Amino acid sequence: MPKLQNITFLGYADAKEADDPFKAAFEVAKLCAQYGFTVVNGGGPGVMKASTLGAKSAGGKTVGITFYPADIPVFEGRDESNKVDELVVCKNYLERTLKLLEVGQIHIFFNGGTGTISEFGMAWGLARLYFGHHKPLILYGDFWQEIIFAFTRGMYIRPEERQVFKIVNSPESALKAIVKFENVFYGSDHKHENSTFSL
């Protein structure tokens, strides 16, 4: 059974340091790094940069997955101030999205826009297709309750599709969810390094 190593952070690229998604991503990434996990993000600004800064504040490792578009003027692109340890450069946006979902073993979604929605939709669909061997999702923020309720009320959502994610509302509950998923899907023998958080 593979060990849990990589947590992918996804969310609002335009989030500023004073914004809730930025602060939340920073704190969750800090806890993940203290626990010995590697933080993966899209190499850009906002939530992506916040997760890098949070991981770095605890001495953690970070991976950025990006691409350099020639014809997508509204794409946030690579943020050179997001100083990841390892940078993976993809050919296009779709390849980048797939690589983010491939490299991460658990995906955590913060508030965001259409890009976050598309990433969540793909991750949720893949989790259903591979149910039982899927990559768990963590949805950060109580607003996800309303979104999931709207989906289940208006669309054909199978029972197992509600079992692949957990909604959390604090950095501590996010880490608890990660560790619980780790024990279920990746065994419980992960070496937790520099941990200052007690479960």
N, C-alpha and C. Protein backbone atom coordinates (compact mmCIF):
# COMPACT_ATOMS: atom_id res chain seq x y z
N MET A 1 0.85 -1.19 0.00
CA MET A 1 0.00 0.00 0.00
C MET A 1 0.88 1.25 0.00
N PRO A 2 0.66 2.19 -0.94
CA PRO A 2 1.49 3.40 -0.98
C PRO A 2 1.26 4.29 0.23
N LYS A 3 2.30 5.02 0.62
CA LYS A 3 2.16 5.95 1.73
C LYS A 3 1.67 7.30 1.22
N LEU A 4 0.91 7.98 2.06
CA LEU A 4 0.47 9.32 1.73
C LEU A 4 1.65 10.28 1.81
N GLN A 5 1.85 11.03 0.76
CA GLN A 5 2.95 12.00 0.74
C GLN A 5 2.48 13.38 0.28
N ASN A 6 1.73 13.43 -0.83
CA ASN A 6 1.43 14.71 -1.49
C ASN A 6 -0.01 15.15 -1.29
N ILE A 7 -0.17 16.40 -0.85
CA ILE A 7 -1.49 17.01 -0.71
C ILE A 7 -1.59 18.16 -1.70
N THR A 8 -2.56 18.11 -2.61
CA THR A 8 -2.74 19.17 -3.60
C THR A 8 -3.69 20.23 -3.07
N PHE A 9 -3.27 21.49 -3.16
CA PHE A 9 -4.06 22.63 -2.72
C PHE A 9 -4.64 23.35 -3.94
N LEU A 10 -5.95 23.56 -3.94
CA LEU A 10 -6.62 24.20 -5.07
C LEU A 10 -7.57 25.28 -4.54
N GLY A 11 -7.62 26.41 -5.25
CA GLY A 11 -8.49 27.48 -4.80
C GLY A 11 -8.22 28.78 -5.54
N TYR A 12 -8.72 29.86 -4.99
CA TYR A 12 -8.80 31.16 -5.63
C TYR A 12 -7.43 31.76 -5.93
N ALA A 13 -7.14 31.96 -7.22
CA ALA A 13 -5.84 32.51 -7.62
C ALA A 13 -5.71 33.99 -7.26
N ASP A 14 -6.83 34.70 -7.13
CA ASP A 14 -6.78 36.14 -6.85
C ASP A 14 -6.83 36.46 -5.36
N ALA A 15 -6.80 35.45 -4.50
CA ALA A 15 -6.85 35.69 -3.06
C ALA A 15 -5.62 36.47 -2.62
N LYS A 16 -5.85 37.48 -1.78
CA LYS A 16 -4.77 38.29 -1.21
C LYS A 16 -4.49 37.84 0.23
N GLU A 17 -3.40 38.33 0.78
CA GLU A 17 -2.98 37.88 2.10
C GLU A 17 -4.02 38.11 3.18
N ALA A 18 -4.84 39.13 3.03
CA ALA A 18 -5.86 39.44 4.04
C ALA A 18 -7.14 38.63 3.85
N ASP A 19 -7.25 37.91 2.75
CA ASP A 19 -8.48 37.17 2.43
C ASP A 19 -8.51 35.83 3.16
N ASP A 20 -9.72 35.40 3.51
CA ASP A 20 -9.88 34.15 4.26
C ASP A 20 -9.30 32.94 3.56
N PRO A 21 -9.53 32.75 2.23
CA PRO A 21 -8.94 31.56 1.58
C PRO A 21 -7.42 31.54 1.66
N PHE A 22 -6.79 32.70 1.54
CA PHE A 22 -5.32 32.78 1.62
C PHE A 22 -4.85 32.36 3.00
N LYS A 23 -5.47 32.95 4.03
CA LYS A 23 -5.07 32.64 5.40
C LYS A 23 -5.32 31.18 5.74
N ALA A 24 -6.45 30.65 5.27
CA ALA A 24 -6.78 29.25 5.57
C ALA A 24 -5.79 28.31 4.88
N ALA A 25 -5.47 28.58 3.61
CA ALA A 25 -4.53 27.72 2.88
C ALA A 25 -3.15 27.76 3.54
N PHE A 26 -2.73 28.93 3.98
CA PHE A 26 -1.45 29.06 4.68
C PHE A 26 -1.42 28.16 5.91
N GLU A 27 -2.45 28.25 6.74
CA GLU A 27 -2.46 27.51 8.00
C GLU A 27 -2.57 26.00 7.78
N VAL A 28 -3.39 25.58 6.82
CA VAL A 28 -3.52 24.14 6.55
C VAL A 28 -2.21 23.60 6.01
N ALA A 29 -1.57 24.35 5.09
CA ALA A 29 -0.29 23.90 4.54
C ALA A 29 0.79 23.83 5.62
N LYS A 30 0.77 24.77 6.54
CA LYS A 30 1.73 24.75 7.65
C LYS A 30 1.58 23.48 8.47
N LEU A 31 0.34 23.11 8.79
CA LEU A 31 0.09 21.89 9.55
C LEU A 31 0.50 20.66 8.75
N CYS A 32 0.20 20.66 7.46
CA CYS A 32 0.59 19.52 6.62
C CYS A 32 2.10 19.36 6.60
N ALA A 33 2.82 20.46 6.49
CA ALA A 33 4.28 20.40 6.47
C ALA A 33 4.82 19.90 7.80
N GLN A 34 4.23 20.37 8.90
CA GLN A 34 4.65 19.90 10.22
C GLN A 34 4.45 18.39 10.35
N TYR A 35 3.46 17.89 9.65
CA TYR A 35 3.16 16.46 9.69
C TYR A 35 3.99 15.65 8.71
N GLY A 36 4.81 16.33 7.91
CA GLY A 36 5.70 15.63 6.99
C GLY A 36 5.16 15.46 5.59
N PHE A 37 4.02 16.07 5.27
CA PHE A 37 3.45 15.96 3.94
C PHE A 37 4.06 17.01 3.00
N THR A 38 4.09 16.70 1.71
CA THR A 38 4.52 17.63 0.68
C THR A 38 3.31 18.38 0.14
N VAL A 39 3.43 19.69 0.01
CA VAL A 39 2.35 20.54 -0.49
C VAL A 39 2.52 20.73 -2.00
N VAL A 40 1.47 20.44 -2.75
CA VAL A 40 1.46 20.58 -4.21
C VAL A 40 0.47 21.67 -4.58
N ASN A 41 0.86 22.56 -5.50
CA ASN A 41 -0.08 23.58 -5.98
C ASN A 41 0.24 23.95 -7.42
N GLY A 42 -0.51 24.88 -7.96
CA GLY A 42 -0.37 25.24 -9.37
C GLY A 42 0.72 26.22 -9.69
N GLY A 43 1.56 26.58 -8.71
CA GLY A 43 2.69 27.44 -8.99
C GLY A 43 2.34 28.90 -9.23
N GLY A 44 1.10 29.27 -8.96
CA GLY A 44 0.65 30.63 -9.22
C GLY A 44 0.42 31.42 -7.94
N PRO A 45 -0.38 32.49 -8.03
CA PRO A 45 -0.64 33.36 -6.89
C PRO A 45 -1.82 32.85 -6.05
N GLY A 46 -2.23 33.68 -5.10
CA GLY A 46 -3.43 33.38 -4.31
C GLY A 46 -3.25 32.19 -3.40
N VAL A 47 -4.24 31.29 -3.41
CA VAL A 47 -4.22 30.09 -2.58
C VAL A 47 -2.98 29.26 -2.85
N MET A 48 -2.53 29.25 -4.10
CA MET A 48 -1.34 28.48 -4.46
C MET A 48 -0.11 29.00 -3.72
N LYS A 49 0.09 30.31 -3.79
CA LYS A 49 1.23 30.91 -3.10
C LYS A 49 1.09 30.77 -1.59
N ALA A 50 -0.14 30.93 -1.09
CA ALA A 50 -0.38 30.80 0.35
C ALA A 50 0.03 29.43 0.86
N SER A 51 -0.28 28.39 0.09
CA SER A 51 0.07 27.04 0.53
C SER A 51 1.59 26.84 0.53
N THR A 52 2.28 27.43 -0.43
CA THR A 52 3.74 27.35 -0.44
C THR A 52 4.32 28.07 0.78
N LEU A 53 3.83 29.27 1.05
CA LEU A 53 4.34 30.04 2.19
C LEU A 53 4.06 29.31 3.51
N GLY A 54 2.87 28.72 3.62
CA GLY A 54 2.55 27.99 4.83
C GLY A 54 3.46 26.79 5.04
N ALA A 55 3.69 26.05 3.97
CA ALA A 55 4.57 24.89 4.07
C ALA A 55 5.99 25.32 4.41
N LYS A 56 6.47 26.38 3.76
CA LYS A 56 7.83 26.85 3.99
C LYS A 56 8.01 27.35 5.42
N SER A 57 6.95 27.92 6.00
CA SER A 57 7.06 28.43 7.37
C SER A 57 7.32 27.32 8.37
N ALA A 58 7.02 26.07 7.96
CA ALA A 58 7.25 24.92 8.84
C ALA A 58 8.37 24.03 8.31
N GLY A 59 9.13 24.54 7.35
CA GLY A 59 10.24 23.77 6.81
C GLY A 59 9.83 22.66 5.87
N GLY A 60 8.64 22.77 5.29
CA GLY A 60 8.12 21.71 4.43
C GLY A 60 8.56 21.82 2.99
N LYS A 61 8.27 20.77 2.22
CA LYS A 61 8.61 20.70 0.81
C LYS A 61 7.40 21.07 -0.04
N THR A 62 7.66 21.74 -1.17
CA THR A 62 6.57 22.16 -2.05
C THR A 62 6.87 21.80 -3.51
N VAL A 63 5.80 21.52 -4.25
CA VAL A 63 5.89 21.23 -5.67
C VAL A 63 4.89 22.11 -6.40
N GLY A 64 5.34 22.80 -7.44
CA GLY A 64 4.45 23.61 -8.26
C GLY A 64 4.28 22.98 -9.63
N ILE A 65 3.05 23.00 -10.13
CA ILE A 65 2.75 22.44 -11.45
C ILE A 65 2.11 23.54 -12.28
N THR A 66 2.77 23.94 -13.36
CA THR A 66 2.31 25.10 -14.11
C THR A 66 2.47 24.87 -15.60
N PHE A 67 2.14 25.90 -16.39
CA PHE A 67 2.49 25.94 -17.80
C PHE A 67 2.56 27.41 -18.21
N TYR A 68 3.16 27.67 -19.35
CA TYR A 68 3.35 29.05 -19.81
C TYR A 68 2.54 29.27 -21.08
N PRO A 69 1.33 29.80 -20.94
CA PRO A 69 0.44 29.93 -22.10
C PRO A 69 0.81 31.10 -22.99
N ALA A 70 0.52 30.94 -24.28
CA ALA A 70 0.75 32.03 -25.22
C ALA A 70 -0.55 32.71 -25.63
N ASP A 71 -1.67 32.07 -25.33
CA ASP A 71 -2.94 32.56 -25.88
C ASP A 71 -4.09 32.52 -24.87
N ILE A 72 -3.80 32.58 -23.57
CA ILE A 72 -4.86 32.60 -22.56
C ILE A 72 -4.64 33.84 -21.69
N PRO A 73 -5.16 34.99 -22.13
CA PRO A 73 -4.84 36.25 -21.45
C PRO A 73 -5.37 36.36 -20.02
N VAL A 74 -6.40 35.61 -19.66
CA VAL A 74 -6.96 35.75 -18.31
C VAL A 74 -6.45 34.67 -17.35
N PHE A 75 -5.56 33.80 -17.80
CA PHE A 75 -4.99 32.79 -16.92
C PHE A 75 -3.95 33.44 -16.02
N GLU A 76 -4.02 33.12 -14.70
CA GLU A 76 -3.12 33.77 -13.74
C GLU A 76 -1.66 33.42 -13.97
N GLY A 77 -1.39 32.23 -14.51
CA GLY A 77 -0.03 31.85 -14.88
C GLY A 77 0.89 31.61 -13.70
N ARG A 78 2.15 31.52 -14.00
CA ARG A 78 3.19 31.27 -13.01
C ARG A 78 3.48 32.54 -12.22
N ASP A 79 3.51 32.41 -10.91
CA ASP A 79 3.89 33.52 -10.04
C ASP A 79 5.31 33.24 -9.55
N GLU A 80 6.27 34.01 -10.03
CA GLU A 80 7.67 33.77 -9.69
C GLU A 80 7.96 33.99 -8.21
N SER A 81 7.05 34.69 -7.51
CA SER A 81 7.25 34.87 -6.07
C SER A 81 6.75 33.66 -5.28
N ASN A 82 6.12 32.72 -5.97
CA ASN A 82 5.72 31.45 -5.35
C ASN A 82 6.93 30.50 -5.47
N LYS A 83 7.77 30.52 -4.45
CA LYS A 83 9.07 29.85 -4.52
C LYS A 83 8.97 28.37 -4.14
N VAL A 84 8.47 27.56 -5.06
CA VAL A 84 8.36 26.12 -4.81
C VAL A 84 9.72 25.46 -4.93
N ASP A 85 9.86 24.30 -4.29
CA ASP A 85 11.12 23.56 -4.35
C ASP A 85 11.32 22.85 -5.68
N GLU A 86 10.23 22.39 -6.24
CA GLU A 86 10.28 21.65 -7.51
C GLU A 86 9.19 22.19 -8.42
N LEU A 87 9.52 22.48 -9.66
CA LEU A 87 8.56 23.02 -10.61
C LEU A 87 8.39 22.06 -11.77
N VAL A 88 7.14 21.68 -12.03
CA VAL A 88 6.80 20.82 -13.16
C VAL A 88 6.09 21.69 -14.19
N VAL A 89 6.59 21.72 -15.41
CA VAL A 89 6.01 22.56 -16.46
C VAL A 89 5.26 21.67 -17.46
N CYS A 90 3.98 21.95 -17.63
CA CYS A 90 3.13 21.18 -18.55
C CYS A 90 2.94 21.94 -19.86
N LYS A 91 2.31 21.28 -20.82
CA LYS A 91 2.16 21.86 -22.16
C LYS A 91 0.96 22.80 -22.25
N ASN A 92 -0.10 22.51 -21.49
CA ASN A 92 -1.31 23.30 -21.59
C ASN A 92 -2.11 23.21 -20.29
N TYR A 93 -3.23 23.93 -20.24
CA TYR A 93 -4.04 24.02 -19.03
C TYR A 93 -4.62 22.66 -18.63
N LEU A 94 -5.10 21.92 -19.60
CA LEU A 94 -5.70 20.62 -19.30
C LEU A 94 -4.65 19.65 -18.75
N GLU A 95 -3.48 19.63 -19.37
CA GLU A 95 -2.41 18.76 -18.87
C GLU A 95 -2.01 19.15 -17.46
N ARG A 96 -1.97 20.45 -17.20
CA ARG A 96 -1.64 20.94 -15.86
C ARG A 96 -2.66 20.48 -14.84
N THR A 97 -3.94 20.60 -15.17
CA THR A 97 -4.99 20.17 -14.25
C THR A 97 -4.87 18.68 -13.95
N LEU A 98 -4.69 17.89 -14.99
CA LEU A 98 -4.56 16.44 -14.80
C LEU A 98 -3.33 16.10 -13.96
N LYS A 99 -2.23 16.83 -14.17
CA LYS A 99 -1.01 16.57 -13.40
C LYS A 99 -1.20 16.94 -11.93
N LEU A 100 -1.91 18.03 -11.65
CA LEU A 100 -2.21 18.40 -10.27
C LEU A 100 -2.98 17.29 -9.57
N LEU A 101 -3.95 16.71 -10.28
CA LEU A 101 -4.76 15.65 -9.70
C LEU A 101 -4.00 14.33 -9.64
N GLU A 102 -3.07 14.14 -10.55
CA GLU A 102 -2.26 12.91 -10.55
C GLU A 102 -1.25 12.90 -9.42
N VAL A 103 -0.56 14.02 -9.23
CA VAL A 103 0.53 14.07 -8.25
C VAL A 103 -0.02 14.05 -6.82
N GLY A 104 -1.11 14.76 -6.57
CA GLY A 104 -1.69 14.77 -5.24
C GLY A 104 -2.43 13.48 -4.93
N GLN A 105 -2.29 13.03 -3.69
CA GLN A 105 -3.00 11.82 -3.25
C GLN A 105 -4.27 12.16 -2.49
N ILE A 106 -4.31 13.36 -1.95
CA ILE A 106 -5.52 13.94 -1.37
C ILE A 106 -5.61 15.36 -1.91
N HIS A 107 -6.80 15.80 -2.27
CA HIS A 107 -6.99 17.14 -2.82
C HIS A 107 -7.81 17.97 -1.85
N ILE A 108 -7.33 19.18 -1.52
CA ILE A 108 -8.08 20.06 -0.65
C ILE A 108 -8.49 21.30 -1.44
N PHE A 109 -9.79 21.59 -1.41
CA PHE A 109 -10.37 22.69 -2.20
C PHE A 109 -10.81 23.82 -1.29
N PHE A 110 -10.25 25.00 -1.53
CA PHE A 110 -10.67 26.21 -0.85
C PHE A 110 -11.63 26.97 -1.77
N ASN A 111 -12.16 28.08 -1.28
CA ASN A 111 -13.06 28.88 -2.11
C ASN A 111 -12.33 29.36 -3.35
N GLY A 112 -13.03 29.46 -4.45
CA GLY A 112 -12.41 29.88 -5.69
C GLY A 112 -13.44 30.19 -6.75
N GLY A 113 -12.99 30.29 -7.99
CA GLY A 113 -13.87 30.62 -9.10
C GLY A 113 -14.08 29.45 -10.04
N THR A 114 -14.24 29.75 -11.33
CA THR A 114 -14.55 28.71 -12.30
C THR A 114 -13.43 27.69 -12.44
N GLY A 115 -12.17 28.14 -12.28
CA GLY A 115 -11.07 27.19 -12.35
C GLY A 115 -11.15 26.16 -11.24
N THR A 116 -11.46 26.64 -10.03
CA THR A 116 -11.61 25.73 -8.89
C THR A 116 -12.79 24.80 -9.09
N ILE A 117 -13.88 25.34 -9.65
CA ILE A 117 -15.06 24.51 -9.92
C ILE A 117 -14.71 23.39 -10.89
N SER A 118 -13.97 23.73 -11.95
CA SER A 118 -13.63 22.71 -12.95
C SER A 118 -12.71 21.65 -12.35
N GLU A 119 -11.77 22.08 -11.51
CA GLU A 119 -10.86 21.13 -10.87
C GLU A 119 -11.63 20.23 -9.90
N PHE A 120 -12.55 20.82 -9.15
CA PHE A 120 -13.36 20.02 -8.24
C PHE A 120 -14.22 19.02 -9.00
N GLY A 121 -14.84 19.47 -10.09
CA GLY A 121 -15.69 18.57 -10.87
C GLY A 121 -14.92 17.38 -11.42
N MET A 122 -13.72 17.63 -11.92
CA MET A 122 -12.92 16.53 -12.45
C MET A 122 -12.47 15.59 -11.34
N ALA A 123 -12.02 16.17 -10.21
CA ALA A 123 -11.57 15.34 -9.09
C ALA A 123 -12.72 14.52 -8.53
N TRP A 124 -13.90 15.11 -8.42
CA TRP A 124 -15.06 14.41 -7.89
C TRP A 124 -15.48 13.28 -8.83
N GLY A 125 -15.46 13.57 -10.14
CA GLY A 125 -15.81 12.53 -11.10
C GLY A 125 -14.84 11.37 -11.09
N LEU A 126 -13.55 11.67 -10.98
CA LEU A 126 -12.55 10.60 -10.92
C LEU A 126 -12.69 9.79 -9.64
N ALA A 127 -13.02 10.46 -8.53
CA ALA A 127 -13.20 9.75 -7.27
C ALA A 127 -14.36 8.77 -7.36
N ARG A 128 -15.42 9.16 -8.05
CA ARG A 128 -16.56 8.25 -8.24
C ARG A 128 -16.18 7.07 -9.13
N LEU A 129 -15.47 7.37 -10.21
CA LEU A 129 -15.09 6.30 -11.14
C LEU A 129 -14.19 5.26 -10.49
N TYR A 130 -13.31 5.72 -9.60
CA TYR A 130 -12.36 4.82 -8.94
C TYR A 130 -12.75 4.57 -7.48
N PHE A 131 -14.04 4.67 -7.20
CA PHE A 131 -14.52 4.56 -5.82
C PHE A 131 -13.99 3.28 -5.16
N GLY A 132 -13.48 3.45 -3.96
CA GLY A 132 -12.85 2.35 -3.25
C GLY A 132 -11.34 2.37 -3.39
N HIS A 133 -10.87 2.95 -4.50
CA HIS A 133 -9.44 3.13 -4.73
C HIS A 133 -9.19 4.59 -5.12
N HIS A 134 -10.10 5.46 -4.70
CA HIS A 134 -10.08 6.85 -5.15
C HIS A 134 -9.18 7.72 -4.29
N LYS A 135 -8.97 8.94 -4.78
CA LYS A 135 -8.24 9.95 -4.02
C LYS A 135 -9.26 10.82 -3.29
N PRO A 136 -9.19 10.87 -1.97
CA PRO A 136 -10.19 11.62 -1.20
C PRO A 136 -10.09 13.12 -1.44
N LEU A 137 -11.23 13.80 -1.23
CA LEU A 137 -11.32 15.24 -1.38
C LEU A 137 -11.66 15.86 -0.03
N ILE A 138 -11.07 17.00 0.25
CA ILE A 138 -11.41 17.78 1.43
C ILE A 138 -11.90 19.14 0.95
N LEU A 139 -13.09 19.51 1.37
CA LEU A 139 -13.71 20.78 0.96
C LEU A 139 -13.66 21.73 2.15
N TYR A 140 -12.92 22.83 1.99
CA TYR A 140 -12.67 23.72 3.12
C TYR A 140 -13.68 24.88 3.11
N GLY A 141 -14.50 24.93 4.16
CA GLY A 141 -15.45 26.03 4.31
C GLY A 141 -16.89 25.54 4.37
N ASP A 142 -17.66 26.16 5.25
CA ASP A 142 -19.06 25.74 5.42
C ASP A 142 -19.91 26.01 4.18
N PHE A 143 -19.48 26.93 3.31
CA PHE A 143 -20.25 27.22 2.10
C PHE A 143 -20.40 25.99 1.21
N TRP A 144 -19.46 25.02 1.35
CA TRP A 144 -19.57 23.79 0.55
C TRP A 144 -20.84 23.02 0.88
N GLN A 145 -21.37 23.17 2.09
CA GLN A 145 -22.61 22.48 2.46
C GLN A 145 -23.73 22.86 1.50
N GLU A 146 -23.86 24.15 1.23
CA GLU A 146 -24.92 24.63 0.33
C GLU A 146 -24.68 24.16 -1.10
N ILE A 147 -23.43 24.16 -1.52
CA ILE A 147 -23.12 23.72 -2.88
C ILE A 147 -23.45 22.25 -3.06
N ILE A 148 -23.03 21.42 -2.13
CA ILE A 148 -23.31 19.99 -2.23
C ILE A 148 -24.81 19.73 -2.13
N PHE A 149 -25.50 20.49 -1.27
CA PHE A 149 -26.95 20.34 -1.17
C PHE A 149 -27.63 20.66 -2.49
N ALA A 150 -27.18 21.71 -3.17
CA ALA A 150 -27.76 22.07 -4.46
C ALA A 150 -27.53 20.97 -5.49
N PHE A 151 -26.32 20.38 -5.47
CA PHE A 151 -26.04 19.27 -6.39
C PHE A 151 -26.96 18.08 -6.10
N THR A 152 -27.08 17.71 -4.84
CA THR A 152 -27.86 16.52 -4.51
C THR A 152 -29.35 16.74 -4.73
N ARG A 153 -29.79 17.99 -4.63
CA ARG A 153 -31.21 18.29 -4.85
C ARG A 153 -31.55 18.36 -6.33
N GLY A 154 -30.63 18.85 -7.14
CA GLY A 154 -30.96 19.12 -8.53
C GLY A 154 -30.35 18.18 -9.55
N MET A 155 -29.42 17.32 -9.12
CA MET A 155 -28.75 16.44 -10.07
C MET A 155 -28.77 15.01 -9.56
N TYR A 156 -28.32 14.09 -10.40
CA TYR A 156 -28.35 12.67 -10.05
C TYR A 156 -27.04 12.27 -9.38
N ILE A 157 -26.99 12.42 -8.09
CA ILE A 157 -25.78 12.13 -7.32
C ILE A 157 -25.94 10.77 -6.65
N ARG A 158 -25.01 9.87 -6.95
CA ARG A 158 -25.05 8.53 -6.38
C ARG A 158 -24.60 8.55 -4.93
N PRO A 159 -25.03 7.58 -4.14
CA PRO A 159 -24.65 7.56 -2.71
C PRO A 159 -23.15 7.57 -2.49
N GLU A 160 -22.40 6.81 -3.29
CA GLU A 160 -20.96 6.73 -3.06
C GLU A 160 -20.27 8.06 -3.36
N GLU A 161 -20.90 8.90 -4.18
CA GLU A 161 -20.29 10.18 -4.52
C GLU A 161 -20.26 11.14 -3.33
N ARG A 162 -21.10 10.85 -2.33
CA ARG A 162 -21.09 11.67 -1.11
C ARG A 162 -20.07 11.16 -0.10
N GLN A 163 -19.49 10.01 -0.37
CA GLN A 163 -18.56 9.41 0.58
C GLN A 163 -17.09 9.72 0.27
N VAL A 164 -16.84 10.36 -0.86
CA VAL A 164 -15.45 10.56 -1.27
C VAL A 164 -14.87 11.88 -0.76
N PHE A 165 -15.70 12.72 -0.12
CA PHE A 165 -15.21 14.00 0.37
C PHE A 165 -15.63 14.22 1.82
N LYS A 166 -14.95 15.16 2.45
CA LYS A 166 -15.31 15.61 3.79
C LYS A 166 -15.24 17.13 3.80
N ILE A 167 -16.26 17.77 4.38
CA ILE A 167 -16.29 19.22 4.51
C ILE A 167 -15.73 19.60 5.88
N VAL A 168 -14.80 20.54 5.89
CA VAL A 168 -14.16 20.98 7.13
C VAL A 168 -14.22 22.51 7.19
N ASN A 169 -14.00 23.06 8.39
CA ASN A 169 -14.08 24.52 8.52
C ASN A 169 -12.98 25.12 9.39
N SER A 170 -11.91 24.38 9.60
CA SER A 170 -10.76 24.91 10.35
C SER A 170 -9.51 24.16 9.92
N PRO A 171 -8.34 24.78 10.08
CA PRO A 171 -7.10 24.08 9.74
C PRO A 171 -6.94 22.77 10.51
N GLU A 172 -7.33 22.78 11.78
CA GLU A 172 -7.20 21.58 12.60
C GLU A 172 -8.10 20.46 12.10
N SER A 173 -9.34 20.81 11.72
CA SER A 173 -10.25 19.77 11.22
C SER A 173 -9.82 19.29 9.85
N ALA A 174 -9.17 20.15 9.08
CA ALA A 174 -8.63 19.72 7.78
C ALA A 174 -7.54 18.67 7.98
N LEU A 175 -6.63 18.93 8.91
CA LEU A 175 -5.56 17.96 9.16
C LEU A 175 -6.12 16.65 9.71
N LYS A 176 -7.10 16.75 10.58
CA LYS A 176 -7.72 15.53 11.11
C LYS A 176 -8.32 14.70 9.98
N ALA A 177 -8.97 15.38 9.02
CA ALA A 177 -9.56 14.67 7.89
C ALA A 177 -8.49 14.02 7.04
N ILE A 178 -7.39 14.75 6.82
CA ILE A 178 -6.27 14.20 6.04
C ILE A 178 -5.73 12.94 6.70
N VAL A 179 -5.48 13.01 8.01
CA VAL A 179 -4.92 11.87 8.72
C VAL A 179 -5.90 10.70 8.74
N LYS A 180 -7.19 10.99 8.86
CA LYS A 180 -8.19 9.91 8.82
C LYS A 180 -8.19 9.23 7.46
N PHE A 181 -8.16 10.03 6.39
CA PHE A 181 -8.10 9.46 5.05
C PHE A 181 -6.80 8.68 4.87
N GLU A 182 -5.72 9.20 5.43
CA GLU A 182 -4.43 8.50 5.34
C GLU A 182 -4.54 7.10 5.93
N ASN A 183 -5.14 7.00 7.09
CA ASN A 183 -5.26 5.71 7.77
C ASN A 183 -6.12 4.73 6.98
N VAL A 184 -7.16 5.26 6.31
CA VAL A 184 -8.07 4.41 5.55
C VAL A 184 -7.48 3.98 4.22
N PHE A 185 -6.85 4.93 3.51
CA PHE A 185 -6.44 4.67 2.13
C PHE A 185 -4.95 4.40 1.96
N TYR A 186 -4.13 4.86 2.91
CA TYR A 186 -2.69 4.76 2.70
C TYR A 186 -1.96 4.10 3.87
N GLY A 187 -2.69 3.45 4.74
CA GLY A 187 -2.06 2.82 5.89
C GLY A 187 -1.74 3.84 6.95
N SER A 188 -1.35 3.37 8.10
CA SER A 188 -1.14 4.28 9.23
C SER A 188 0.32 4.36 9.65
N ASP A 189 1.24 3.90 8.78
CA ASP A 189 2.65 3.88 9.18
C ASP A 189 3.45 5.03 8.59
N HIS A 190 2.75 6.10 8.18
CA HIS A 190 3.45 7.27 7.65
C HIS A 190 4.29 7.91 8.75
N LYS A 191 5.51 8.30 8.42
CA LYS A 191 6.39 8.93 9.39
C LYS A 191 6.05 10.42 9.47
N HIS A 192 5.46 10.82 10.57
CA HIS A 192 5.08 12.21 10.75
C HIS A 192 6.24 12.97 11.37
N GLU A 193 6.75 13.96 10.62
CA GLU A 193 7.92 14.68 11.06
C GLU A 193 7.55 16.08 11.54
N ASN A 194 8.25 16.52 12.58
CA ASN A 194 8.11 17.89 13.09
C ASN A 194 6.66 18.21 13.46
N SER A 195 5.92 17.25 13.91
CA SER A 195 4.52 17.49 14.24
C SER A 195 4.38 18.16 15.59
N THR A 196 3.64 19.27 15.59
CA THR A 196 3.34 19.96 16.84
C THR A 196 1.83 19.96 17.10
N PHE A 197 1.10 19.22 16.25
CA PHE A 197 -0.36 19.20 16.38
C PHE A 197 -0.79 17.83 16.88
N SER A 198 -1.57 17.82 17.92
CA SER A 198 -2.02 16.56 18.52
C SER A 198 -3.43 16.22 18.06
N LEU A 199 -3.59 15.02 17.55
CA LEU A 199 -4.91 14.58 17.11
C LEU A 199 -5.67 13.94 18.26
